[in-house]
Amino acid sequence: MTEPDSIKDFESAIGELEQIVRQLEDGDLALDKALALFERGVTLSRYCHDQIGAAERRIEQLTERGQLRDASALLDPSTDTTR
C-alpha cells in the first residue's frame, strides 16, 4: 500500500480508486487486505474531493468579475481560510 503523499494527481487518484472499488466488489480478499484497501480508498476519495473543491473555488474566482486573475493560492489548502 502506498502512502497518502504518494498521490501524483487527480487522474491517477481516480484510477487507483476505481481499481480499489473493483477489488473490494470482488469480495475475495482477506479482512486485513480489504480494510487496508478501504482505508486507501478513503484517502484517495478525500484527496479527489479536495481537488474538485479547489477547482470549483478557482472557477468561481476566475468568473467572478468576468476576468482572469491569479488563483494559484486557491490550490494550496494551507492558504484556504474558508475551512
PDB file of N, CA and C in Angstrom:
ATOM      1  N   MET A   1       0.844  -1.175   0.000  1.00  0.00           N
ATOM      2  CA  MET A   1       0.000   0.000   0.000  1.00  0.00           C
ATOM      3  C   MET A   1       0.890   1.238   0.000  1.00  0.00           C
ATOM      4  N   THR A   2       0.506   2.252  -0.763  1.00  0.00           N
ATOM      5  CA  THR A   2       1.307   3.463  -0.844  1.00  0.00           C
ATOM      6  C   THR A   2       0.812   4.492   0.159  1.00  0.00           C
ATOM      7  N   GLU A   3       1.671   5.431   0.474  1.00  0.00           N
ATOM      8  CA  GLU A   3       1.348   6.473   1.441  1.00  0.00           C
ATOM      9  C   GLU A   3       0.482   7.546   0.783  1.00  0.00           C
ATOM     10  N   PRO A   4      -0.321   8.298   1.582  1.00  0.00           N
ATOM     11  CA  PRO A   4      -1.192   9.342   1.029  1.00  0.00           C
ATOM     12  C   PRO A   4      -0.434  10.396   0.236  1.00  0.00           C
ATOM     13  N   ASP A   5       0.788  10.736   0.655  1.00  0.00           N
ATOM     14  CA  ASP A   5       1.525  11.770  -0.060  1.00  0.00           C
ATOM     15  C   ASP A   5       2.097  11.265  -1.385  1.00  0.00           C
ATOM     16  N   SER A   6       1.866  10.006  -1.708  1.00  0.00           N
ATOM     17  CA  SER A   6       2.349   9.463  -2.974  1.00  0.00           C
ATOM     18  C   SER A   6       1.334   9.633  -4.103  1.00  0.00           C
ATOM     19  N   ILE A   7       0.218  10.286  -3.834  1.00  0.00           N
ATOM     20  CA  ILE A   7      -0.784  10.531  -4.875  1.00  0.00           C
ATOM     21  C   ILE A   7      -0.197  11.542  -5.855  1.00  0.00           C
ATOM     22  N   LYS A   8      -0.126  11.146  -7.131  1.00  0.00           N
ATOM     23  CA  LYS A   8       0.502  12.005  -8.128  1.00  0.00           C
ATOM     24  C   LYS A   8      -0.416  13.132  -8.578  1.00  0.00           C
ATOM     25  N   ASP A   9      -1.639  12.786  -8.956  1.00  0.00           N
ATOM     26  CA  ASP A   9      -2.565  13.793  -9.456  1.00  0.00           C
ATOM     27  C   ASP A   9      -3.992  13.239  -9.395  1.00  0.00           C
ATOM     28  N   PHE A  10      -4.946  14.075  -9.734  1.00  0.00           N
ATOM     29  CA  PHE A  10      -6.355  13.714  -9.655  1.00  0.00           C
ATOM     30  C   PHE A  10      -6.672  12.479 -10.497  1.00  0.00           C
ATOM     31  N   GLU A  11      -6.176  12.463 -11.728  1.00  0.00           N
ATOM     32  CA  GLU A  11      -6.492  11.369 -12.640  1.00  0.00           C
ATOM     33  C   GLU A  11      -5.955  10.030 -12.139  1.00  0.00           C
ATOM     34  N   SER A  12      -4.732  10.035 -11.623  1.00  0.00           N
ATOM     35  CA  SER A  12      -4.186   8.772 -11.108  1.00  0.00           C
ATOM     36  C   SER A  12      -4.912   8.355  -9.834  1.00  0.00           C
ATOM     37  N   ALA A  13      -5.343   9.326  -9.040  1.00  0.00           N
ATOM     38  CA  ALA A  13      -6.106   9.006  -7.824  1.00  0.00           C
ATOM     39  C   ALA A  13      -7.440   8.365  -8.184  1.00  0.00           C
ATOM     40  N   ILE A  14      -8.120   8.900  -9.177  1.00  0.00           N
ATOM     41  CA  ILE A  14      -9.393   8.325  -9.621  1.00  0.00           C
ATOM     42  C   ILE A  14      -9.177   6.915 -10.152  1.00  0.00           C
ATOM     43  N   GLY A  15      -8.136   6.724 -10.944  1.00  0.00           N
ATOM     44  CA  GLY A  15      -7.835   5.399 -11.488  1.00  0.00           C
ATOM     45  C   GLY A  15      -7.568   4.380 -10.390  1.00  0.00           C
ATOM     46  N   GLU A  16      -6.781   4.773  -9.403  1.00  0.00           N
ATOM     47  CA  GLU A  16      -6.492   3.864  -8.297  1.00  0.00           C
ATOM     48  C   GLU A  16      -7.750   3.581  -7.479  1.00  0.00           C
ATOM     49  N   LEU A  17      -8.560   4.600  -7.287  1.00  0.00           N
ATOM     50  CA  LEU A  17      -9.807   4.420  -6.539  1.00  0.00           C
ATOM     51  C   LEU A  17     -10.745   3.448  -7.261  1.00  0.00           C
ATOM     52  N   GLU A  18     -10.836   3.568  -8.576  1.00  0.00           N
ATOM     53  CA  GLU A  18     -11.662   2.634  -9.351  1.00  0.00           C
ATOM     54  C   GLU A  18     -11.158   1.197  -9.213  1.00  0.00           C
ATOM     55  N   GLN A  19      -9.847   1.042  -9.234  1.00  0.00           N
ATOM     56  CA  GLN A  19      -9.242  -0.294  -9.075  1.00  0.00           C
ATOM     57  C   GLN A  19      -9.563  -0.865  -7.690  1.00  0.00           C
ATOM     58  N   ILE A  20      -9.485  -0.034  -6.668  1.00  0.00           N
ATOM     59  CA  ILE A  20      -9.797  -0.477  -5.307  1.00  0.00           C
ATOM     60  C   ILE A  20     -11.258  -0.909  -5.203  1.00  0.00           C
ATOM     61  N   VAL A  21     -12.143  -0.132  -5.798  1.00  0.00           N
ATOM     62  CA  VAL A  21     -13.572  -0.477  -5.762  1.00  0.00           C
ATOM     63  C   VAL A  21     -13.804  -1.837  -6.415  1.00  0.00           C
ATOM     64  N   ARG A  22     -13.171  -2.072  -7.558  1.00  0.00           N
ATOM     65  CA  ARG A  22     -13.325  -3.370  -8.232  1.00  0.00           C
ATOM     66  C   ARG A  22     -12.839  -4.515  -7.338  1.00  0.00           C
ATOM     67  N   GLN A  23     -11.676  -4.312  -6.702  1.00  0.00           N
ATOM     68  CA  GLN A  23     -11.135  -5.359  -5.833  1.00  0.00           C
ATOM     69  C   GLN A  23     -12.065  -5.631  -4.652  1.00  0.00           C
ATOM     70  N   LEU A  24     -12.599  -4.572  -4.057  1.00  0.00           N
ATOM     71  CA  LEU A  24     -13.490  -4.754  -2.914  1.00  0.00           C
ATOM     72  C   LEU A  24     -14.810  -5.397  -3.336  1.00  0.00           C
ATOM     73  N   GLU A  25     -15.293  -5.050  -4.520  1.00  0.00           N
ATOM     74  CA  GLU A  25     -16.540  -5.639  -5.008  1.00  0.00           C
ATOM     75  C   GLU A  25     -16.383  -7.123  -5.313  1.00  0.00           C
ATOM     76  N   ASP A  26     -15.192  -7.538  -5.717  1.00  0.00           N
ATOM     77  CA  ASP A  26     -14.962  -8.959  -5.977  1.00  0.00           C
ATOM     78  C   ASP A  26     -15.167  -9.781  -4.707  1.00  0.00           C
ATOM     79  N   GLY A  27     -14.826  -9.215  -3.565  1.00  0.00           N
ATOM     80  CA  GLY A  27     -15.120  -9.826  -2.285  1.00  0.00           C
ATOM     81  C   GLY A  27     -14.273 -11.022  -1.882  1.00  0.00           C
ATOM     82  N   ASP A  28     -13.217 -11.314  -2.590  1.00  0.00           N
ATOM     83  CA  ASP A  28     -12.411 -12.485  -2.234  1.00  0.00           C
ATOM     84  C   ASP A  28     -11.083 -12.081  -1.593  1.00  0.00           C
ATOM     85  N   LEU A  29     -11.128 -11.072  -0.707  1.00  0.00           N
ATOM     86  CA  LEU A  29      -9.941 -10.581  -0.020  1.00  0.00           C
ATOM     87  C   LEU A  29      -9.985 -10.972   1.451  1.00  0.00           C
ATOM     88  N   ALA A  30      -8.818 -11.122   2.021  1.00  0.00           N
ATOM     89  CA  ALA A  30      -8.743 -11.305   3.468  1.00  0.00           C
ATOM     90  C   ALA A  30      -9.191 -10.005   4.129  1.00  0.00           C
ATOM     91  N   LEU A  31      -9.698 -10.110   5.326  1.00  0.00           N
ATOM     92  CA  LEU A  31     -10.227  -8.947   6.028  1.00  0.00           C
ATOM     93  C   LEU A  31      -9.180  -7.836   6.160  1.00  0.00           C
ATOM     94  N   ASP A  32      -7.970  -8.186   6.543  1.00  0.00           N
ATOM     95  CA  ASP A  32      -6.920  -7.177   6.698  1.00  0.00           C
ATOM     96  C   ASP A  32      -6.646  -6.443   5.388  1.00  0.00           C
ATOM     97  N   LYS A  33      -6.586  -7.183   4.296  1.00  0.00           N
ATOM     98  CA  LYS A  33      -6.347  -6.588   2.980  1.00  0.00           C
ATOM     99  C   LYS A  33      -7.513  -5.690   2.576  1.00  0.00           C
ATOM    100  N   ALA A  34      -8.739  -6.151   2.821  1.00  0.00           N
ATOM    101  CA  ALA A  34      -9.925  -5.360   2.493  1.00  0.00           C
ATOM    102  C   ALA A  34      -9.943  -4.059   3.287  1.00  0.00           C
ATOM    103  N   LEU A  35      -9.610  -4.128   4.565  1.00  0.00           N
ATOM    104  CA  LEU A  35      -9.585  -2.919   5.390  1.00  0.00           C
ATOM    105  C   LEU A  35      -8.504  -1.953   4.932  1.00  0.00           C
ATOM    106  N   ALA A  36      -7.340  -2.478   4.555  1.00  0.00           N
ATOM    107  CA  ALA A  36      -6.258  -1.621   4.063  1.00  0.00           C
ATOM    108  C   ALA A  36      -6.663  -0.936   2.759  1.00  0.00           C
ATOM    109  N   LEU A  37      -7.307  -1.682   1.871  1.00  0.00           N
ATOM    110  CA  LEU A  37      -7.782  -1.093   0.619  1.00  0.00           C
ATOM    111  C   LEU A  37      -8.853  -0.051   0.871  1.00  0.00           C
ATOM    112  N   PHE A  38      -9.757  -0.341   1.793  1.00  0.00           N
ATOM    113  CA  PHE A  38     -10.814   0.609   2.124  1.00  0.00           C
ATOM    114  C   PHE A  38     -10.203   1.903   2.673  1.00  0.00           C
ATOM    115  N   GLU A  39      -9.214   1.770   3.547  1.00  0.00           N
ATOM    116  CA  GLU A  39      -8.549   2.947   4.109  1.00  0.00           C
ATOM    117  C   GLU A  39      -7.882   3.773   3.012  1.00  0.00           C
ATOM    118  N   ARG A  40      -7.197   3.106   2.100  1.00  0.00           N
ATOM    119  CA  ARG A  40      -6.562   3.812   0.984  1.00  0.00           C
ATOM    120  C   ARG A  40      -7.634   4.484   0.120  1.00  0.00           C
ATOM    121  N   GLY A  41      -8.751   3.816  -0.080  1.00  0.00           N
ATOM    122  CA  GLY A  41      -9.846   4.396  -0.848  1.00  0.00           C
ATOM    123  C   GLY A  41     -10.386   5.664  -0.212  1.00  0.00           C
ATOM    124  N   VAL A  42     -10.509   5.658   1.104  1.00  0.00           N
ATOM    125  CA  VAL A  42     -10.965   6.862   1.810  1.00  0.00           C
ATOM    126  C   VAL A  42      -9.969   7.999   1.604  1.00  0.00           C
ATOM    127  N   THR A  43      -8.685   7.704   1.710  1.00  0.00           N
ATOM    128  CA  THR A  43      -7.649   8.717   1.492  1.00  0.00           C
ATOM    129  C   THR A  43      -7.741   9.292   0.082  1.00  0.00           C
ATOM    130  N   LEU A  44      -7.879   8.412  -0.905  1.00  0.00           N
ATOM    131  CA  LEU A  44      -7.988   8.859  -2.296  1.00  0.00           C
ATOM    132  C   LEU A  44      -9.251   9.677  -2.523  1.00  0.00           C
ATOM    133  N   SER A  45     -10.348   9.230  -1.939  1.00  0.00           N
ATOM    134  CA  SER A  45     -11.612   9.945  -2.082  1.00  0.00           C
ATOM    135  C   SER A  45     -11.522  11.353  -1.497  1.00  0.00           C
ATOM    136  N   ARG A  46     -10.912  11.473  -0.339  1.00  0.00           N
ATOM    137  CA  ARG A  46     -10.747  12.798   0.279  1.00  0.00           C
ATOM    138  C   ARG A  46      -9.857  13.693  -0.576  1.00  0.00           C
ATOM    139  N   TYR A  47      -8.786  13.113  -1.119  1.00  0.00           N
ATOM    140  CA  TYR A  47      -7.899  13.877  -1.993  1.00  0.00           C
ATOM    141  C   TYR A  47      -8.671  14.395  -3.216  1.00  0.00           C
ATOM    142  N   CYS A  48      -9.441  13.513  -3.848  1.00  0.00           N
ATOM    143  CA  CYS A  48     -10.212  13.911  -5.031  1.00  0.00           C
ATOM    144  C   CYS A  48     -11.238  14.983  -4.684  1.00  0.00           C
ATOM    145  N   HIS A  49     -11.901  14.806  -3.568  1.00  0.00           N
ATOM    146  CA  HIS A  49     -12.886  15.791  -3.130  1.00  0.00           C
ATOM    147  C   HIS A  49     -12.218  17.162  -2.924  1.00  0.00           C
ATOM    148  N   ASP A  50     -11.061  17.168  -2.284  1.00  0.00           N
ATOM    149  CA  ASP A  50     -10.330  18.423  -2.074  1.00  0.00           C
ATOM    150  C   ASP A  50      -9.923  19.061  -3.395  1.00  0.00           C
ATOM    151  N   GLN A  51      -9.474  18.241  -4.345  1.00  0.00           N
ATOM    152  CA  GLN A  51      -9.063  18.764  -5.649  1.00  0.00           C
ATOM    153  C   GLN A  51     -10.238  19.361  -6.405  1.00  0.00           C
ATOM    154  N   ILE A  52     -11.381  18.701  -6.351  1.00  0.00           N
ATOM    155  CA  ILE A  52     -12.586  19.222  -7.008  1.00  0.00           C
ATOM    156  C   ILE A  52     -13.010  20.534  -6.349  1.00  0.00           C
ATOM    157  N   GLY A  53     -12.971  20.580  -5.020  1.00  0.00           N
ATOM    158  CA  GLY A  53     -13.316  21.813  -4.315  1.00  0.00           C
ATOM    159  C   GLY A  53     -12.400  22.958  -4.699  1.00  0.00           C
ATOM    160  N   ALA A  54     -11.104  22.679  -4.799  1.00  0.00           N
ATOM    161  CA  ALA A  54     -10.146  23.717  -5.189  1.00  0.00           C
ATOM    162  C   ALA A  54     -10.422  24.194  -6.615  1.00  0.00           C
ATOM    163  N   ALA A  55     -10.748  23.279  -7.500  1.00  0.00           N
ATOM    164  CA  ALA A  55     -11.059  23.654  -8.879  1.00  0.00           C
ATOM    165  C   ALA A  55     -12.327  24.504  -8.931  1.00  0.00           C
ATOM    166  N   GLU A  56     -13.331  24.126  -8.150  1.00  0.00           N
ATOM    167  CA  GLU A  56     -14.569  24.913  -8.107  1.00  0.00           C
ATOM    168  C   GLU A  56     -14.301  26.328  -7.592  1.00  0.00           C
ATOM    169  N   ARG A  57     -13.500  26.443  -6.536  1.00  0.00           N
ATOM    170  CA  ARG A  57     -13.173  27.769  -6.000  1.00  0.00           C
ATOM    171  C   ARG A  57     -12.397  28.591  -7.026  1.00  0.00           C
ATOM    172  N   ARG A  58     -11.514  27.928  -7.734  1.00  0.00           N
ATOM    173  CA  ARG A  58     -10.732  28.645  -8.752  1.00  0.00           C
ATOM    174  C   ARG A  58     -11.639  29.135  -9.881  1.00  0.00           C
ATOM    175  N   ILE A  59     -12.559  28.301 -10.323  1.00  0.00           N
ATOM    176  CA  ILE A  59     -13.500  28.700 -11.375  1.00  0.00           C
ATOM    177  C   ILE A  59     -14.347  29.870 -10.905  1.00  0.00           C
ATOM    178  N   GLU A  60     -14.837  29.799  -9.665  1.00  0.00           N
ATOM    179  CA  GLU A  60     -15.616  30.911  -9.116  1.00  0.00           C
ATOM    180  C   GLU A  60     -14.789  32.185  -9.099  1.00  0.00           C
ATOM    181  N   GLN A  61     -13.544  32.081  -8.701  1.00  0.00           N
ATOM    182  CA  GLN A  61     -12.644  33.234  -8.650  1.00  0.00           C
ATOM    183  C   GLN A  61     -12.420  33.795 -10.050  1.00  0.00           C
ATOM    184  N   LEU A  62     -12.223  32.922 -11.018  1.00  0.00           N
ATOM    185  CA  LEU A  62     -11.931  33.363 -12.379  1.00  0.00           C
ATOM    186  C   LEU A  62     -13.134  34.008 -13.049  1.00  0.00           C
ATOM    187  N   THR A  63     -14.316  33.551 -12.732  1.00  0.00           N
ATOM    188  CA  THR A  63     -15.506  34.058 -13.412  1.00  0.00           C
ATOM    189  C   THR A  63     -16.249  35.115 -12.609  1.00  0.00           C
ATOM    190  N   GLU A  64     -15.792  35.407 -11.415  1.00  0.00           N
ATOM    191  CA  GLU A  64     -16.474  36.348 -10.536  1.00  0.00           C
ATOM    192  C   GLU A  64     -16.693  37.710 -11.189  1.00  0.00           C
ATOM    193  N   ARG A  65     -15.679  38.232 -11.822  1.00  0.00           N
ATOM    194  CA  ARG A  65     -15.782  39.557 -12.433  1.00  0.00           C
ATOM    195  C   ARG A  65     -15.617  39.508 -13.950  1.00  0.00           C
ATOM    196  N   GLY A  66     -15.715  38.311 -14.505  1.00  0.00           N
ATOM    197  CA  GLY A  66     -15.593  38.182 -15.946  1.00  0.00           C
ATOM    198  C   GLY A  66     -14.182  38.374 -16.458  1.00  0.00           C
ATOM    199  N   GLN A  67     -13.221  38.344 -15.574  1.00  0.00           N
ATOM    200  CA  GLN A  67     -11.834  38.484 -15.988  1.00  0.00           C
ATOM    201  C   GLN A  67     -10.977  37.454 -15.271  1.00  0.00           C
ATOM    202  N   LEU A  68      -9.852  37.151 -15.849  1.00  0.00           N
ATOM    203  CA  LEU A  68      -8.953  36.175 -15.257  1.00  0.00           C
ATOM    204  C   LEU A  68      -8.083  36.837 -14.204  1.00  0.00           C
ATOM    205  N   ARG A  69      -7.874  36.103 -13.101  1.00  0.00           N
ATOM    206  CA  ARG A  69      -6.997  36.576 -12.041  1.00  0.00           C
ATOM    207  C   ARG A  69      -6.134  35.411 -11.592  1.00  0.00           C
ATOM    208  N   ASP A  70      -5.008  35.728 -10.970  1.00  0.00           N
ATOM    209  CA  ASP A  70      -4.147  34.684 -10.441  1.00  0.00           C
ATOM    210  C   ASP A  70      -4.855  34.011  -9.270  1.00  0.00           C
ATOM    211  N   ALA A  71      -5.164  32.734  -9.437  1.00  0.00           N
ATOM    212  CA  ALA A  71      -5.866  31.992  -8.396  1.00  0.00           C
ATOM    213  C   ALA A  71      -5.027  30.822  -7.908  1.00  0.00           C
ATOM    214  N   SER A  72      -3.726  30.872  -8.133  1.00  0.00           N
ATOM    215  CA  SER A  72      -2.872  29.749  -7.743  1.00  0.00           C
ATOM    216  C   SER A  72      -2.905  29.510  -6.245  1.00  0.00           C
ATOM    217  N   ALA A  73      -3.134  30.552  -5.441  1.00  0.00           N
ATOM    218  CA  ALA A  73      -3.211  30.376  -3.989  1.00  0.00           C
ATOM    219  C   ALA A  73      -4.394  29.504  -3.597  1.00  0.00           C
ATOM    220  N   LEU A  74      -5.401  29.448  -4.437  1.00  0.00           N
ATOM    221  CA  LEU A  74      -6.576  28.624  -4.140  1.00  0.00           C
ATOM    222  C   LEU A  74      -6.255  27.138  -4.200  1.00  0.00           C
ATOM    223  N   LEU A  75      -5.202  26.755  -4.890  1.00  0.00           N
ATOM    224  CA  LEU A  75      -4.837  25.359  -4.999  1.00  0.00           C
ATOM    225  C   LEU A  75      -4.069  24.864  -3.791  1.00  0.00           C
ATOM    226  N   ASP A  76      -3.599  25.766  -2.953  1.00  0.00           N
ATOM    227  CA  ASP A  76      -2.836  25.401  -1.762  1.00  0.00           C
ATOM    228  C   ASP A  76      -3.775  25.374  -0.566  1.00  0.00           C
ATOM    229  N   PRO A  77      -4.119  24.169  -0.068  1.00  0.00           N
ATOM    230  CA  PRO A  77      -5.073  24.076   1.042  1.00  0.00           C
ATOM    231  C   PRO A  77      -4.614  24.806   2.292  1.00  0.00           C
ATOM    232  N   SER A  78      -3.320  25.023   2.468  1.00  0.00           N
ATOM    233  CA  SER A  78      -2.849  25.707   3.672  1.00  0.00           C
ATOM    234  C   SER A  78      -3.213  27.194   3.666  1.00  0.00           C
ATOM    235  N   THR A  79      -3.575  27.745   2.501  1.00  0.00           N
ATOM    236  CA  THR A  79      -3.966  29.151   2.442  1.00  0.00           C
ATOM    237  C   THR A  79      -5.464  29.317   2.419  1.00  0.00           C
ATOM    238  N   ASP A  80      -6.198  28.231   2.521  1.00  0.00           N
ATOM    239  CA  ASP A  80      -7.653  28.264   2.482  1.00  0.00           C
ATOM    240  C   ASP A  80      -8.194  28.742   3.824  1.00  0.00           C
ATOM    241  N   THR A  81      -8.857  29.886   3.805  1.00  0.00           N
ATOM    242  CA  THR A  81      -9.404  30.451   5.033  1.00  0.00           C
ATOM    243  C   THR A  81     -10.888  30.146   5.195  1.00  0.00           C
ATOM    244  N   THR A  82     -11.481  29.374   4.282  1.00  0.00           N
ATOM    245  CA  THR A  82     -12.908  29.076   4.347  1.00  0.00           C
ATOM    246  C   THR A  82     -13.204  27.860   5.204  1.00  0.00           C
ATOM    247  N   ARG A  83     -12.186  27.145   5.657  1.00  0.00           N
ATOM    248  CA  ARG A  83     -12.417  25.938   6.450  1.00  0.00           C
ATOM    249  C   ARG A  83     -12.464  26.236   7.916  1.00  0.00           C
TER     250      ARG A  83
END
